[in-house]
Amino acid sequence: MLTSNPKRALVLSGGGGRGAYHVGVLRFLEEHEWYPDVVVGTSIGAVNGAALASGHNAHSLWALWRKLRTKDVQKPNWNPFSSVSLLDTSPLRNTLLNEGWVDFERINDPEKTAVHLRITATEISTGLLQIFSNSLNNKTEITVEHILSSCSIPLIYPHTSLGETKYWDGAVVANTPLSAAIATGAEEIFVVIMTPIKQSGEASIPTLPSTMPTNLYEAASMTLEWALLASFQADMKMFSLINSLAEIRDELDKIQADYPNIVDQYMQDVNNFVGANVKKDYKKLKKPIIICPEDFIPVEQIVSYTEEWHEKLHKLGYDDAKLAWKKEGYVVE
């Protein structure tokens, strides 16, 4: 059942076949009795997020991941010159619908769903980020199409249509959409991103890959990788902006008395930039806790699903979550 006052949010980034990393993180958090009220998922994060909203936990989700193979997600597109994608994701549709990953009846029932779910996708015609939610405010009836739209990696996978609107992967615009978590009122946010990030104060600096792409798949995947990093850095700047607003709240209130139109327009501009409904009385938020690997995960793993790498990434996610937990001063049990 959805809580009316969500406090904890988990943001799951895109990363394709590296999604077992999320599950390792979840395992550690659950072992330390940290459970999200809100899950924001992009691409494979949308798949894992929908599974959590369906009632899965780290244990049952890991059981699904251990069986997941590349053939269950994609197949070659044998007519690449007549299409806009290299691969076909019809196997993923079948896997989601028939292999126990998601329960759409439960996801869309506020009395039964486990979490507030946010799924992101990019509207192709406008480039705008669309956030689909199962919550009562601005509620969307989540379907398999919404999940697939978030997984539609440009060039690699085909776009997904929702009615007359066509979508690509939400990571094109925002791989770690903090605004969607902030807008729910969450006060403690964990961000799981599968690319190395070195943090220094408010700055987040990406780690460069050690090798160059050697084929078309790797080149397309690496292009996406840098798009993910750019959106992440933009998200962190957005978070800093919101906290800056909290610091000047009293000044805004004084100006509001004499120049209400100016302040209202300013707040509207901020809302448009951030992509969330930010109020003038918003409290300063704690900086998100970022869980990420220390080393670059091979980019080809975005489109590869193997038992060997699932095991590696699951353990890596668990270990990295432990490091981030300890860094925040929490006790590791």
C-alpha atoms as a PDB file:
ATOM      1  CA  MET A   1       0.000   0.000   0.000  1.00  0.00           C
ATOM      2  CA  LEU A   2       1.290   3.442  -0.936  1.00  0.00           C
ATOM      3  CA  THR A   3       2.372   5.702   1.886  1.00  0.00           C
ATOM      4  CA  SER A   4       0.914   9.205   1.826  1.00  0.00           C
ATOM      5  CA  ASN A   5       4.134  10.696   3.181  1.00  0.00           C
ATOM      6  CA  PRO A   6       7.088   9.174   1.299  1.00  0.00           C
ATOM      7  CA  LYS A   7      10.462   9.731   2.943  1.00  0.00           C
ATOM      8  CA  ARG A   8      12.849   7.417   1.122  1.00  0.00           C
ATOM      9  CA  ALA A   9      13.476   7.371  -2.627  1.00  0.00           C
ATOM     10  CA  LEU A  10      15.603   5.068  -4.751  1.00  0.00           C
ATOM     11  CA  VAL A  11      16.689   6.225  -8.214  1.00  0.00           C
ATOM     12  CA  LEU A  12      17.727   3.384 -10.539  1.00  0.00           C
ATOM     13  CA  SER A  13      19.665   4.497 -13.604  1.00  0.00           C
ATOM     14  CA  GLY A  14      19.750   2.954 -17.051  1.00  0.00           C
ATOM     15  CA  GLY A  15      22.397   0.451 -18.054  1.00  0.00           C
ATOM     16  CA  GLY A  16      20.788  -2.460 -19.913  1.00  0.00           C
ATOM     17  CA  GLY A  17      22.408  -5.795 -19.129  1.00  0.00           C
ATOM     18  CA  ARG A  18      24.199  -4.287 -16.155  1.00  0.00           C
ATOM     19  CA  GLY A  19      20.904  -4.160 -14.221  1.00  0.00           C
ATOM     20  CA  ALA A  20      21.959  -7.002 -11.916  1.00  0.00           C
ATOM     21  CA  TYR A  21      24.053  -4.310 -10.222  1.00  0.00           C
ATOM     22  CA  HIS A  22      20.797  -2.740  -8.976  1.00  0.00           C
ATOM     23  CA  VAL A  23      19.798  -6.030  -7.386  1.00  0.00           C
ATOM     24  CA  GLY A  24      23.051  -6.302  -5.452  1.00  0.00           C
ATOM     25  CA  VAL A  25      22.450  -2.796  -4.102  1.00  0.00           C
ATOM     26  CA  LEU A  26      18.884  -3.722  -3.142  1.00  0.00           C
ATOM     27  CA  ARG A  27      20.103  -6.811  -1.314  1.00  0.00           C
ATOM     28  CA  PHE A  28      22.445  -4.743   0.854  1.00  0.00           C
ATOM     29  CA  LEU A  29      19.836  -2.069   1.580  1.00  0.00           C
ATOM     30  CA  GLU A  30      17.216  -4.655   2.526  1.00  0.00           C
ATOM     31  CA  GLU A  31      19.672  -6.421   4.822  1.00  0.00           C
ATOM     32  CA  HIS A  32      20.028  -3.078   6.596  1.00  0.00           C
ATOM     33  CA  GLU A  33      16.264  -2.521   6.713  1.00  0.00           C
ATOM     34  CA  TRP A  34      16.264   0.343   4.223  1.00  0.00           C
ATOM     35  CA  TYR A  35      13.193   0.102   1.995  1.00  0.00           C
ATOM     36  CA  PRO A  36      12.177   2.803  -0.513  1.00  0.00           C
ATOM     37  CA  ASP A  37       8.801   4.510  -0.535  1.00  0.00           C
ATOM     38  CA  VAL A  38       9.514   5.804  -4.049  1.00  0.00           C
ATOM     39  CA  VAL A  39      11.366   4.111  -6.907  1.00  0.00           C
ATOM     40  CA  VAL A  40      12.331   6.137  -9.968  1.00  0.00           C
ATOM     41  CA  GLY A  41      13.498   3.949 -12.827  1.00  0.00           C
ATOM     42  CA  THR A  42      14.991   4.648 -16.233  1.00  0.00           C
ATOM     43  CA  SER A  43      15.551   1.953 -18.874  1.00  0.00           C
ATOM     44  CA  ILE A  44      16.600  -1.233 -17.028  1.00  0.00           C
ATOM     45  CA  GLY A  45      15.917   0.747 -13.862  1.00  0.00           C
ATOM     46  CA  ALA A  46      12.295   0.976 -15.030  1.00  0.00           C
ATOM     47  CA  VAL A  47      12.207  -2.823 -15.353  1.00  0.00           C
ATOM     48  CA  ASN A  48      13.619  -3.351 -11.866  1.00  0.00           C
ATOM     49  CA  GLY A  49      11.436  -0.570 -10.465  1.00  0.00           C
ATOM     50  CA  ALA A  50       8.284  -2.103 -11.921  1.00  0.00           C
ATOM     51  CA  ALA A  51       9.305  -5.448 -10.430  1.00  0.00           C
ATOM     52  CA  LEU A  52       9.620  -3.832  -6.994  1.00  0.00           C
ATOM     53  CA  ALA A  53       6.217  -2.159  -7.391  1.00  0.00           C
ATOM     54  CA  SER A  54       4.869  -5.620  -8.265  1.00  0.00           C
ATOM     55  CA  GLY A  55       5.979  -6.912  -4.877  1.00  0.00           C
ATOM     56  CA  HIS A  56       9.387  -8.393  -5.671  1.00  0.00           C
ATOM     57  CA  ASN A  57      12.260  -7.978  -3.242  1.00  0.00           C
ATOM     58  CA  ALA A  58      15.994  -8.358  -3.754  1.00  0.00           C
ATOM     59  CA  HIS A  59      15.799 -12.140  -3.299  1.00  0.00           C
ATOM     60  CA  SER A  60      13.002 -12.849  -5.774  1.00  0.00           C
ATOM     61  CA  LEU A  61      14.300 -10.297  -8.280  1.00  0.00           C
ATOM     62  CA  TRP A  62      17.732 -11.911  -8.165  1.00  0.00           C
ATOM     63  CA  ALA A  63      16.121 -15.264  -8.961  1.00  0.00           C
ATOM     64  CA  LEU A  64      14.702 -13.724 -12.145  1.00  0.00           C
ATOM     65  CA  TRP A  65      17.985 -12.091 -13.092  1.00  0.00           C
ATOM     66  CA  ARG A  66      19.941 -15.318 -12.688  1.00  0.00           C
ATOM     67  CA  LYS A  67      17.803 -16.870 -15.441  1.00  0.00           C
ATOM     68  CA  LEU A  68      17.814 -13.847 -17.752  1.00  0.00           C
ATOM     69  CA  ARG A  69      19.810 -14.217 -20.977  1.00  0.00           C
ATOM     70  CA  THR A  70      20.351 -12.037 -24.020  1.00  0.00           C
ATOM     71  CA  LYS A  71      17.810 -14.025 -26.034  1.00  0.00           C
ATOM     72  CA  ASP A  72      15.166 -13.148 -23.421  1.00  0.00           C
ATOM     73  CA  VAL A  73      15.686  -9.428 -24.064  1.00  0.00           C
ATOM     74  CA  GLN A  74      16.537  -8.938 -27.730  1.00  0.00           C
ATOM     75  CA  LYS A  75      17.165 -10.545 -31.076  1.00  0.00           C
ATOM     76  CA  PRO A  76      18.955  -9.323 -34.200  1.00  0.00           C
ATOM     77  CA  ASN A  77      17.107  -7.034 -36.544  1.00  0.00           C
ATOM     78  CA  TRP A  78      17.633  -8.806 -39.832  1.00  0.00           C
ATOM     79  CA  ASN A  79      16.588  -5.765 -41.867  1.00  0.00           C
ATOM     80  CA  PRO A  80      18.694  -2.975 -40.319  1.00  0.00           C
ATOM     81  CA  PHE A  81      18.618  -0.851 -43.488  1.00  0.00           C
ATOM     82  CA  SER A  82      14.816  -0.666 -43.417  1.00  0.00           C
ATOM     83  CA  SER A  83      14.668   0.073 -39.690  1.00  0.00           C
ATOM     84  CA  VAL A  84      16.059   2.600 -37.214  1.00  0.00           C
ATOM     85  CA  SER A  85      17.424   0.057 -34.745  1.00  0.00           C
ATOM     86  CA  LEU A  86      20.030  -2.672 -34.659  1.00  0.00           C
ATOM     87  CA  LEU A  87      18.065  -5.003 -32.392  1.00  0.00           C
ATOM     88  CA  ASP A  88      14.474  -6.106 -31.854  1.00  0.00           C
ATOM     89  CA  THR A  89      13.074  -6.070 -28.266  1.00  0.00           C
ATOM     90  CA  SER A  90      10.016  -8.245 -28.782  1.00  0.00           C
ATOM     91  CA  PRO A  91      11.644 -10.930 -26.549  1.00  0.00           C
ATOM     92  CA  LEU A  92      11.734  -8.404 -23.664  1.00  0.00           C
ATOM     93  CA  ARG A  93       8.005  -7.787 -24.054  1.00  0.00           C
ATOM     94  CA  ASN A  94       7.364 -11.523 -23.795  1.00  0.00           C
ATOM     95  CA  THR A  95       9.689 -11.869 -20.792  1.00  0.00           C
ATOM     96  CA  LEU A  96       8.011  -9.063 -18.864  1.00  0.00           C
ATOM     97  CA  LEU A  97       4.510 -10.345 -19.574  1.00  0.00           C
ATOM     98  CA  ASN A  98       5.044 -14.079 -19.137  1.00  0.00           C
ATOM     99  CA  GLU A  99       8.019 -14.756 -16.877  1.00  0.00           C
ATOM    100  CA  GLY A 100       6.800 -13.288 -13.576  1.00  0.00           C
ATOM    101  CA  TRP A 101       8.632  -9.954 -13.683  1.00  0.00           C
ATOM    102  CA  VAL A 102       5.676  -7.610 -13.358  1.00  0.00           C
ATOM    103  CA  ASP A 103       2.115  -7.631 -12.022  1.00  0.00           C
ATOM    104  CA  PHE A 104       0.359  -4.698 -13.647  1.00  0.00           C
ATOM    105  CA  GLU A 105      -2.815  -5.158 -11.630  1.00  0.00           C
ATOM    106  CA  ARG A 106      -0.817  -4.716  -8.444  1.00  0.00           C
ATOM    107  CA  ILE A 107       1.330  -1.868  -9.802  1.00  0.00           C
ATOM    108  CA  ASN A 108      -1.761   0.168 -10.649  1.00  0.00           C
ATOM    109  CA  ASP A 109      -3.707  -0.524  -7.442  1.00  0.00           C
ATOM    110  CA  PRO A 110      -2.771   2.003  -4.692  1.00  0.00           C
ATOM    111  CA  GLU A 111      -3.981  -0.461  -2.061  1.00  0.00           C
ATOM    112  CA  LYS A 112      -1.684  -3.239  -3.303  1.00  0.00           C
ATOM    113  CA  THR A 113       1.380  -1.719  -4.944  1.00  0.00           C
ATOM    114  CA  ALA A 114       4.566  -1.728  -2.909  1.00  0.00           C
ATOM    115  CA  VAL A 115       5.995   1.675  -3.883  1.00  0.00           C
ATOM    116  CA  HIS A 116       5.354   4.958  -5.634  1.00  0.00           C
ATOM    117  CA  LEU A 117       6.704   4.131  -9.092  1.00  0.00           C
ATOM    118  CA  ARG A 118       8.106   6.644 -11.555  1.00  0.00           C
ATOM    119  CA  ILE A 119       9.104   5.529 -15.064  1.00  0.00           C
ATOM    120  CA  THR A 120      10.801   7.949 -17.431  1.00  0.00           C
ATOM    121  CA  ALA A 121      10.831   8.097 -21.218  1.00  0.00           C
ATOM    122  CA  THR A 122      11.831  10.696 -23.801  1.00  0.00           C
ATOM    123  CA  GLU A 123       9.227  12.012 -26.240  1.00  0.00           C
ATOM    124  CA  ILE A 124      10.939  11.809 -29.628  1.00  0.00           C
ATOM    125  CA  SER A 125       9.137  14.700 -31.309  1.00  0.00           C
ATOM    126  CA  THR A 126       9.935  17.222 -28.551  1.00  0.00           C
ATOM    127  CA  GLY A 127      12.914  15.763 -26.657  1.00  0.00           C
ATOM    128  CA  LEU A 128      11.000  16.306 -23.405  1.00  0.00           C
ATOM    129  CA  LEU A 129      11.196  13.888 -20.492  1.00  0.00           C
ATOM    130  CA  GLN A 130       7.884  12.221 -19.675  1.00  0.00           C
ATOM    131  CA  ILE A 131       7.368  10.774 -16.189  1.00  0.00           C
ATOM    132  CA  PHE A 132       4.767   8.023 -15.825  1.00  0.00           C
ATOM    133  CA  SER A 133       3.506   7.490 -12.271  1.00  0.00           C
ATOM    134  CA  ASN A 134       1.287   4.970 -10.512  1.00  0.00           C
ATOM    135  CA  SER A 135       0.542   7.416  -7.686  1.00  0.00           C
ATOM    136  CA  LEU A 136      -2.822   9.056  -7.179  1.00  0.00           C
ATOM    137  CA  ASN A 137      -1.661  12.518  -8.274  1.00  0.00           C
ATOM    138  CA  ASN A 138      -1.206  12.639 -12.044  1.00  0.00           C
ATOM    139  CA  LYS A 139      -1.673   8.873 -12.146  1.00  0.00           C
ATOM    140  CA  THR A 140      -0.860   6.823 -15.250  1.00  0.00           C
ATOM    141  CA  GLU A 141      -2.173   3.321 -15.844  1.00  0.00           C
ATOM    142  CA  ILE A 142       1.219   1.645 -16.193  1.00  0.00           C
ATOM    143  CA  THR A 143       1.463  -0.976 -18.971  1.00  0.00           C
ATOM    144  CA  VAL A 144       4.234  -2.970 -20.581  1.00  0.00           C
ATOM    145  CA  GLU A 145       4.456  -0.240 -23.224  1.00  0.00           C
ATOM    146  CA  HIS A 146       5.516   2.299 -20.602  1.00  0.00           C
ATOM    147  CA  ILE A 147       8.359   0.048 -19.472  1.00  0.00           C
ATOM    148  CA  LEU A 148       9.436  -0.659 -23.049  1.00  0.00           C
ATOM    149  CA  SER A 149       9.357   3.046 -23.881  1.00  0.00           C
ATOM    150  CA  SER A 150      11.870   3.663 -21.105  1.00  0.00           C
ATOM    151  CA  CYS A 151      14.074   0.871 -22.518  1.00  0.00           C
ATOM    152  CA  SER A 152      14.063   2.071 -26.133  1.00  0.00           C
ATOM    153  CA  ILE A 153      17.769   2.909 -26.491  1.00  0.00           C
ATOM    154  CA  PRO A 154      18.198   5.020 -29.662  1.00  0.00           C
ATOM    155  CA  LEU A 155      19.879   3.216 -32.583  1.00  0.00           C
ATOM    156  CA  ILE A 156      20.147  -0.010 -30.610  1.00  0.00           C
ATOM    157  CA  TYR A 157      16.443  -0.690 -29.847  1.00  0.00           C
ATOM    158  CA  PRO A 158      13.283   0.438 -31.676  1.00  0.00           C
ATOM    159  CA  HIS A 159      11.166   3.295 -30.375  1.00  0.00           C
ATOM    160  CA  THR A 160       7.920   2.544 -28.528  1.00  0.00           C
ATOM    161  CA  SER A 161       4.544   4.090 -29.302  1.00  0.00           C
ATOM    162  CA  LEU A 162       2.042   5.115 -26.639  1.00  0.00           C
ATOM    163  CA  GLY A 163      -1.020   6.132 -28.578  1.00  0.00           C
ATOM    164  CA  GLU A 164       0.196   8.508 -31.264  1.00  0.00           C
ATOM    165  CA  THR A 165       3.298   9.555 -29.298  1.00  0.00           C
ATOM    166  CA  LYS A 166       6.629   7.834 -29.881  1.00  0.00           C
ATOM    167  CA  TYR A 167       9.247   7.450 -27.177  1.00  0.00           C
ATOM    168  CA  TRP A 168      12.893   6.625 -26.704  1.00  0.00           C
ATOM    169  CA  ASP A 169      14.809   5.661 -23.581  1.00  0.00           C
ATOM    170  CA  GLY A 170      14.360   8.090 -20.673  1.00  0.00           C
ATOM    171  CA  ALA A 171      18.134   8.135 -20.257  1.00  0.00           C
ATOM    172  CA  VAL A 172      18.429  10.230 -23.416  1.00  0.00           C
ATOM    173  CA  VAL A 173      17.355  13.224 -21.300  1.00  0.00           C
ATOM    174  CA  ALA A 174      17.755  12.092 -17.683  1.00  0.00           C
ATOM    175  CA  ASN A 175      19.471   8.886 -16.656  1.00  0.00           C
ATOM    176  CA  THR A 176      19.104   9.685 -12.956  1.00  0.00           C
ATOM    177  CA  PRO A 177      16.015  11.928 -12.761  1.00  0.00           C
ATOM    178  CA  LEU A 178      16.340  13.319  -9.245  1.00  0.00           C
ATOM    179  CA  SER A 179      13.515  15.776  -9.853  1.00  0.00           C
ATOM    180  CA  ALA A 180      11.007  12.934 -10.002  1.00  0.00           C
ATOM    181  CA  ALA A 181      12.140  11.727  -6.575  1.00  0.00           C
ATOM    182  CA  ILE A 182      12.272  15.222  -5.095  1.00  0.00           C
ATOM    183  CA  ALA A 183       8.781  16.065  -6.337  1.00  0.00           C
ATOM    184  CA  THR A 184       7.327  13.284  -4.166  1.00  0.00           C
ATOM    185  CA  GLY A 185       8.711  14.954  -1.046  1.00  0.00           C
ATOM    186  CA  ALA A 186      11.340  12.292  -0.346  1.00  0.00           C
ATOM    187  CA  GLU A 187      13.948  13.435   2.144  1.00  0.00           C
ATOM    188  CA  GLU A 188      16.509  10.626   1.792  1.00  0.00           C
ATOM    189  CA  ILE A 189      17.536   9.674  -1.732  1.00  0.00           C
ATOM    190  CA  PHE A 190      19.828   6.884  -2.893  1.00  0.00           C
ATOM    191  CA  VAL A 191      20.980   7.116  -6.510  1.00  0.00           C
ATOM    192  CA  VAL A 192      22.322   3.986  -8.197  1.00  0.00           C
ATOM    193  CA  ILE A 193      24.339   4.741 -11.331  1.00  0.00           C
ATOM    194  CA  MET A 194      26.442   2.130 -13.101  1.00  0.00           C
ATOM    195  CA  THR A 195      29.208   4.436 -14.282  1.00  0.00           C
ATOM    196  CA  PRO A 196      32.164   5.519 -12.097  1.00  0.00           C
ATOM    197  CA  ILE A 197      31.707   8.962 -10.579  1.00  0.00           C
ATOM    198  CA  LYS A 198      34.363  10.730  -8.524  1.00  0.00           C
ATOM    199  CA  GLN A 199      32.759  13.111  -6.064  1.00  0.00           C
ATOM    200  CA  SER A 200      34.470  16.232  -4.808  1.00  0.00           C
ATOM    201  CA  GLY A 201      32.236  18.540  -2.801  1.00  0.00           C
ATOM    202  CA  GLU A 202      29.283  19.432  -5.002  1.00  0.00           C
ATOM    203  CA  ALA A 203      31.083  18.330  -8.180  1.00  0.00           C
ATOM    204  CA  SER A 204      30.724  14.903  -9.771  1.00  0.00           C
ATOM    205  CA  ILE A 205      33.410  13.976 -12.297  1.00  0.00           C
ATOM    206  CA  PRO A 206      32.969  10.977 -14.628  1.00  0.00           C
ATOM    207  CA  THR A 207      35.707   8.369 -15.020  1.00  0.00           C
ATOM    208  CA  LEU A 208      36.935   7.845 -18.577  1.00  0.00           C
ATOM    209  CA  PRO A 209      36.750   4.376 -20.179  1.00  0.00           C
ATOM    210  CA  SER A 210      40.115   2.669 -20.556  1.00  0.00           C
ATOM    211  CA  THR A 211      39.467   1.326 -24.070  1.00  0.00           C
ATOM    212  CA  MET A 212      37.970   2.656 -27.283  1.00  0.00           C
ATOM    213  CA  PRO A 213      35.002   0.961 -29.006  1.00  0.00           C
ATOM    214  CA  THR A 214      35.958  -1.696 -31.554  1.00  0.00           C
ATOM    215  CA  ASN A 215      32.609  -2.220 -33.318  1.00  0.00           C
ATOM    216  CA  LEU A 216      29.272  -0.570 -34.067  1.00  0.00           C
ATOM    217  CA  TYR A 217      27.522  -1.989 -30.989  1.00  0.00           C
ATOM    218  CA  GLU A 218      30.224  -0.680 -28.662  1.00  0.00           C
ATOM    219  CA  ALA A 219      30.324   2.711 -30.374  1.00  0.00           C
ATOM    220  CA  ALA A 220      26.559   3.157 -30.061  1.00  0.00           C
ATOM    221  CA  SER A 221      26.658   1.979 -26.458  1.00  0.00           C
ATOM    222  CA  MET A 222      29.492   4.334 -25.538  1.00  0.00           C
ATOM    223  CA  THR A 223      27.605   7.239 -27.111  1.00  0.00           C
ATOM    224  CA  LEU A 224      24.730   6.411 -24.791  1.00  0.00           C
ATOM    225  CA  GLU A 225      27.138   6.116 -21.855  1.00  0.00           C
ATOM    226  CA  TRP A 226      28.293   9.707 -22.228  1.00  0.00           C
ATOM    227  CA  ALA A 227      24.713  10.872 -22.601  1.00  0.00           C
ATOM    228  CA  LEU A 228      23.959   9.180 -19.277  1.00  0.00           C
ATOM    229  CA  LEU A 229      26.857  10.944 -17.589  1.00  0.00           C
ATOM    230  CA  ALA A 230      25.899  14.344 -18.983  1.00  0.00           C
ATOM    231  CA  SER A 231      22.338  13.990 -17.709  1.00  0.00           C
ATOM    232  CA  PHE A 232      23.612  12.898 -14.301  1.00  0.00           C
ATOM    233  CA  GLN A 233      25.766  15.986 -13.939  1.00  0.00           C
ATOM    234  CA  ALA A 234      22.810  18.140 -14.961  1.00  0.00           C
ATOM    235  CA  ASP A 235      20.711  16.410 -12.298  1.00  0.00           C
ATOM    236  CA  MET A 236      23.250  17.235  -9.611  1.00  0.00           C
ATOM    237  CA  LYS A 237      23.299  20.879 -10.684  1.00  0.00           C
ATOM    238  CA  MET A 238      19.509  20.847 -10.446  1.00  0.00           C
ATOM    239  CA  PHE A 239      19.700  19.460  -6.918  1.00  0.00           C
ATOM    240  CA  SER A 240      22.099  22.245  -5.927  1.00  0.00           C
ATOM    241  CA  LEU A 241      19.727  24.797  -7.421  1.00  0.00           C
ATOM    242  CA  ILE A 242      16.823  23.552  -5.328  1.00  0.00           C
ATOM    243  CA  ASN A 243      18.912  23.742  -2.164  1.00  0.00           C
ATOM    244  CA  SER A 244      19.993  27.254  -3.129  1.00  0.00           C
ATOM    245  CA  LEU A 245      16.337  28.219  -3.289  1.00  0.00           C
ATOM    246  CA  ALA A 246      15.853  26.949   0.239  1.00  0.00           C
ATOM    247  CA  GLU A 247      18.685  29.183   1.422  1.00  0.00           C
ATOM    248  CA  ILE A 248      17.099  32.339  -0.053  1.00  0.00           C
ATOM    249  CA  ARG A 249      13.532  31.459   0.951  1.00  0.00           C
ATOM    250  CA  ASP A 250      13.239  34.374   3.410  1.00  0.00           C
ATOM    251  CA  GLU A 251      14.456  36.832   0.799  1.00  0.00           C
ATOM    252  CA  LEU A 252      11.944  35.532  -1.730  1.00  0.00           C
ATOM    253  CA  ASP A 253       9.145  35.971   0.801  1.00  0.00           C
ATOM    254  CA  LYS A 254      10.149  39.623   1.338  1.00  0.00           C
ATOM    255  CA  ILE A 255      10.253  40.291  -2.402  1.00  0.00           C
ATOM    256  CA  GLN A 256       6.938  38.497  -2.877  1.00  0.00           C
ATOM    257  CA  ALA A 257       5.170  41.126  -0.761  1.00  0.00           C
ATOM    258  CA  ASP A 258       6.173  43.966  -3.090  1.00  0.00           C
ATOM    259  CA  TYR A 259       6.724  42.208  -6.406  1.00  0.00           C
ATOM    260  CA  PRO A 260       4.518  39.086  -6.486  1.00  0.00           C
ATOM    261  CA  ASN A 261       4.506  38.797 -10.275  1.00  0.00           C
ATOM    262  CA  ILE A 262       8.296  38.795 -10.487  1.00  0.00           C
ATOM    263  CA  VAL A 263       8.664  36.050  -7.887  1.00  0.00           C
ATOM    264  CA  ASP A 264       5.877  33.965  -9.423  1.00  0.00           C
ATOM    265  CA  GLN A 265       7.544  34.151 -12.832  1.00  0.00           C
ATOM    266  CA  TYR A 266      10.916  33.298 -11.281  1.00  0.00           C
ATOM    267  CA  MET A 267       9.493  30.193  -9.605  1.00  0.00           C
ATOM    268  CA  GLN A 268       7.783  29.150 -12.830  1.00  0.00           C
ATOM    269  CA  ASP A 269      11.095  29.437 -14.671  1.00  0.00           C
ATOM    270  CA  VAL A 270      12.766  27.320 -11.983  1.00  0.00           C
ATOM    271  CA  ASN A 271      10.027  24.689 -12.228  1.00  0.00           C
ATOM    272  CA  ASN A 272      10.441  24.522 -15.990  1.00  0.00           C
ATOM    273  CA  PHE A 273      14.212  24.147 -15.656  1.00  0.00           C
ATOM    274  CA  VAL A 274      14.096  21.548 -12.902  1.00  0.00           C
ATOM    275  CA  GLY A 275      11.141  19.569 -14.171  1.00  0.00           C
ATOM    276  CA  ALA A 276       9.405  19.470 -10.802  1.00  0.00           C
ATOM    277  CA  ASN A 277       6.981  21.566  -8.804  1.00  0.00           C
ATOM    278  CA  VAL A 278       9.378  23.420  -6.508  1.00  0.00           C
ATOM    279  CA  LYS A 279       7.710  25.589  -3.888  1.00  0.00           C
ATOM    280  CA  LYS A 280       9.211  28.655  -2.219  1.00  0.00           C
ATOM    281  CA  ASP A 281       8.883  27.047   1.206  1.00  0.00           C
ATOM    282  CA  TYR A 282      10.846  23.967   0.155  1.00  0.00           C
ATOM    283  CA  LYS A 283      13.239  22.740   2.835  1.00  0.00           C
ATOM    284  CA  LYS A 284      16.911  22.193   2.152  1.00  0.00           C
ATOM    285  CA  LEU A 285      17.485  18.588   1.214  1.00  0.00           C
ATOM    286  CA  LYS A 286      20.237  16.213   2.181  1.00  0.00           C
ATOM    287  CA  LYS A 287      22.623  15.522  -0.694  1.00  0.00           C
ATOM    288  CA  PRO A 288      21.753  12.258  -2.499  1.00  0.00           C
ATOM    289  CA  ILE A 289      23.763   9.211  -1.538  1.00  0.00           C
ATOM    290  CA  ILE A 290      25.373   7.947  -4.745  1.00  0.00           C
ATOM    291  CA  ILE A 291      26.160   4.272  -5.224  1.00  0.00           C
ATOM    292  CA  CYS A 292      28.396   3.582  -8.213  1.00  0.00           C
ATOM    293  CA  PRO A 293      31.285   1.323  -9.254  1.00  0.00           C
ATOM    294  CA  GLU A 294      34.895   2.436  -8.851  1.00  0.00           C
ATOM    295  CA  ASP A 295      35.923   1.061 -12.242  1.00  0.00           C
ATOM    296  CA  PHE A 296      34.362   1.316 -15.678  1.00  0.00           C
ATOM    297  CA  ILE A 297      32.074  -1.639 -16.518  1.00  0.00           C
ATOM    298  CA  PRO A 298      32.647  -2.851 -20.113  1.00  0.00           C
ATOM    299  CA  VAL A 299      30.278  -0.919 -22.332  1.00  0.00           C
ATOM    300  CA  GLU A 300      29.253  -4.026 -24.296  1.00  0.00           C
ATOM    301  CA  GLN A 301      27.491  -5.285 -21.166  1.00  0.00           C
ATOM    302  CA  ILE A 302      24.687  -2.834 -21.916  1.00  0.00           C
ATOM    303  CA  VAL A 303      23.437  -5.240 -24.611  1.00  0.00           C
ATOM    304  CA  SER A 304      24.676  -8.508 -23.086  1.00  0.00           C
ATOM    305  CA  TYR A 305      22.899 -10.660 -20.489  1.00  0.00           C
ATOM    306  CA  THR A 306      24.982 -13.582 -19.206  1.00  0.00           C
ATOM    307  CA  GLU A 307      25.125 -15.601 -15.999  1.00  0.00           C
ATOM    308  CA  GLU A 308      28.795 -14.768 -15.499  1.00  0.00           C
ATOM    309  CA  TRP A 309      28.270 -11.011 -15.639  1.00  0.00           C
ATOM    310  CA  HIS A 310      25.058 -11.119 -13.620  1.00  0.00           C
ATOM    311  CA  GLU A 311      27.017 -12.752 -10.803  1.00  0.00           C
ATOM    312  CA  LYS A 312      29.870 -10.236 -11.067  1.00  0.00           C
ATOM    313  CA  LEU A 313      27.572  -7.207 -11.164  1.00  0.00           C
ATOM    314  CA  HIS A 314      25.322  -8.454  -8.366  1.00  0.00           C
ATOM    315  CA  LYS A 315      28.336  -8.798  -6.069  1.00  0.00           C
ATOM    316  CA  LEU A 316      29.750  -5.466  -7.253  1.00  0.00           C
ATOM    317  CA  GLY A 317      26.474  -3.671  -6.498  1.00  0.00           C
ATOM    318  CA  TYR A 318      26.358  -5.193  -3.022  1.00  0.00           C
ATOM    319  CA  ASP A 319      29.961  -4.213  -2.251  1.00  0.00           C
ATOM    320  CA  ASP A 320      29.555  -0.672  -3.617  1.00  0.00           C
ATOM    321  CA  ALA A 321      26.379  -0.182  -1.581  1.00  0.00           C
ATOM    322  CA  LYS A 322      28.310  -1.215   1.523  1.00  0.00           C
ATOM    323  CA  LEU A 323      31.041   1.323   0.749  1.00  0.00           C
ATOM    324  CA  ALA A 324      28.536   4.135   0.220  1.00  0.00           C
ATOM    325  CA  TRP A 325      26.663   3.145   3.400  1.00  0.00           C
ATOM    326  CA  LYS A 326      29.855   3.242   5.482  1.00  0.00           C
ATOM    327  CA  LYS A 327      30.917   6.531   3.888  1.00  0.00           C
ATOM    328  CA  GLU A 328      27.684   8.096   5.158  1.00  0.00           C
ATOM    329  CA  GLY A 329      28.541   6.984   8.681  1.00  0.00           C
ATOM    330  CA  TYR A 330      25.913   4.237   8.867  1.00  0.00           C
ATOM    331  CA  VAL A 331      26.661   1.008  10.727  1.00  0.00           C
ATOM    332  CA  VAL A 332      27.304  -2.071   8.569  1.00  0.00           C
ATOM    333  CA  GLU A 333      25.806  -5.110  10.235  1.00  0.00           C
END
